[in-house]
Protein backbone atom coordinates (compact mmCIF):
# COMPACT_ATOMS: atom_id res chain seq x y z
CA MET A 1 0.05 0.01 -0.15
CA THR A 2 1.12 3.43 -0.76
CA LEU A 3 -0.14 6.70 0.30
CA VAL A 4 0.48 9.90 -1.46
CA SER A 5 -0.69 12.98 -0.50
CA THR A 6 -0.69 16.67 -1.89
CA GLU A 7 -0.26 20.04 -0.61
CA GLU A 8 -0.65 23.70 -2.11
CA VAL A 9 1.89 25.83 -0.21
CA VAL A 10 2.29 28.48 -2.76
CA LYS A 11 -0.97 29.33 -4.72
CA GLY A 12 -1.12 27.26 -8.00
CA GLU A 13 2.01 25.13 -6.92
CA VAL A 14 1.43 21.62 -5.72
CA ALA A 15 3.87 19.61 -3.68
CA PHE A 16 3.55 15.94 -3.52
CA ARG A 17 4.52 13.58 -0.34
CA VAL A 18 5.01 10.15 -0.09
CA LYS A 19 3.71 9.17 3.41
CA TYR A 20 4.26 5.23 3.33
CA PHE A 21 5.53 3.43 0.22
CA GLY A 22 4.83 -0.53 -0.21
CA ASP A 23 3.64 -1.02 3.21
CA VAL A 24 2.26 -4.44 3.94
CA SER A 25 1.36 -4.02 7.69
CA HIS A 26 -2.25 -4.49 6.90
CA LEU A 27 -1.38 -8.24 5.64
CA TYR A 28 0.56 -8.78 8.83
CA ALA A 29 -2.10 -7.45 11.16
CA VAL A 30 -4.27 -10.36 9.88
CA GLY A 31 -1.53 -12.91 9.87
CA GLU A 32 -1.37 -13.00 6.16
CA PRO A 33 2.23 -13.27 4.89
CA PRO A 34 3.48 -10.89 1.86
CA SER A 35 3.17 -12.58 -1.36
CA ASP A 36 6.41 -12.62 -4.10
CA SER A 37 3.85 -12.74 -6.78
CA GLY A 38 5.17 -10.01 -9.57
CA PHE A 39 8.87 -10.11 -8.47
CA PHE A 40 11.27 -10.76 -11.13
CA ALA A 41 12.76 -14.39 -11.26
CA GLU A 42 16.22 -14.81 -9.69
CA ALA A 43 19.03 -14.16 -12.14
CA ARG A 44 21.27 -17.57 -12.70
C-alpha cells in the first residue's frame, strides 16, 4: 500500500508527499504473509 498526499503551499503549485511506500502491515495485522507474486525471477 502506498499513500501519496498533496499540499498547495504556494498558490498554483502543488507538492506531493509520500507518506508510506510499499507498506504491508495490513497483511501482517491479519496473519497473512506478503506474496512474492510479481517479483522478477532470480538471475542465474
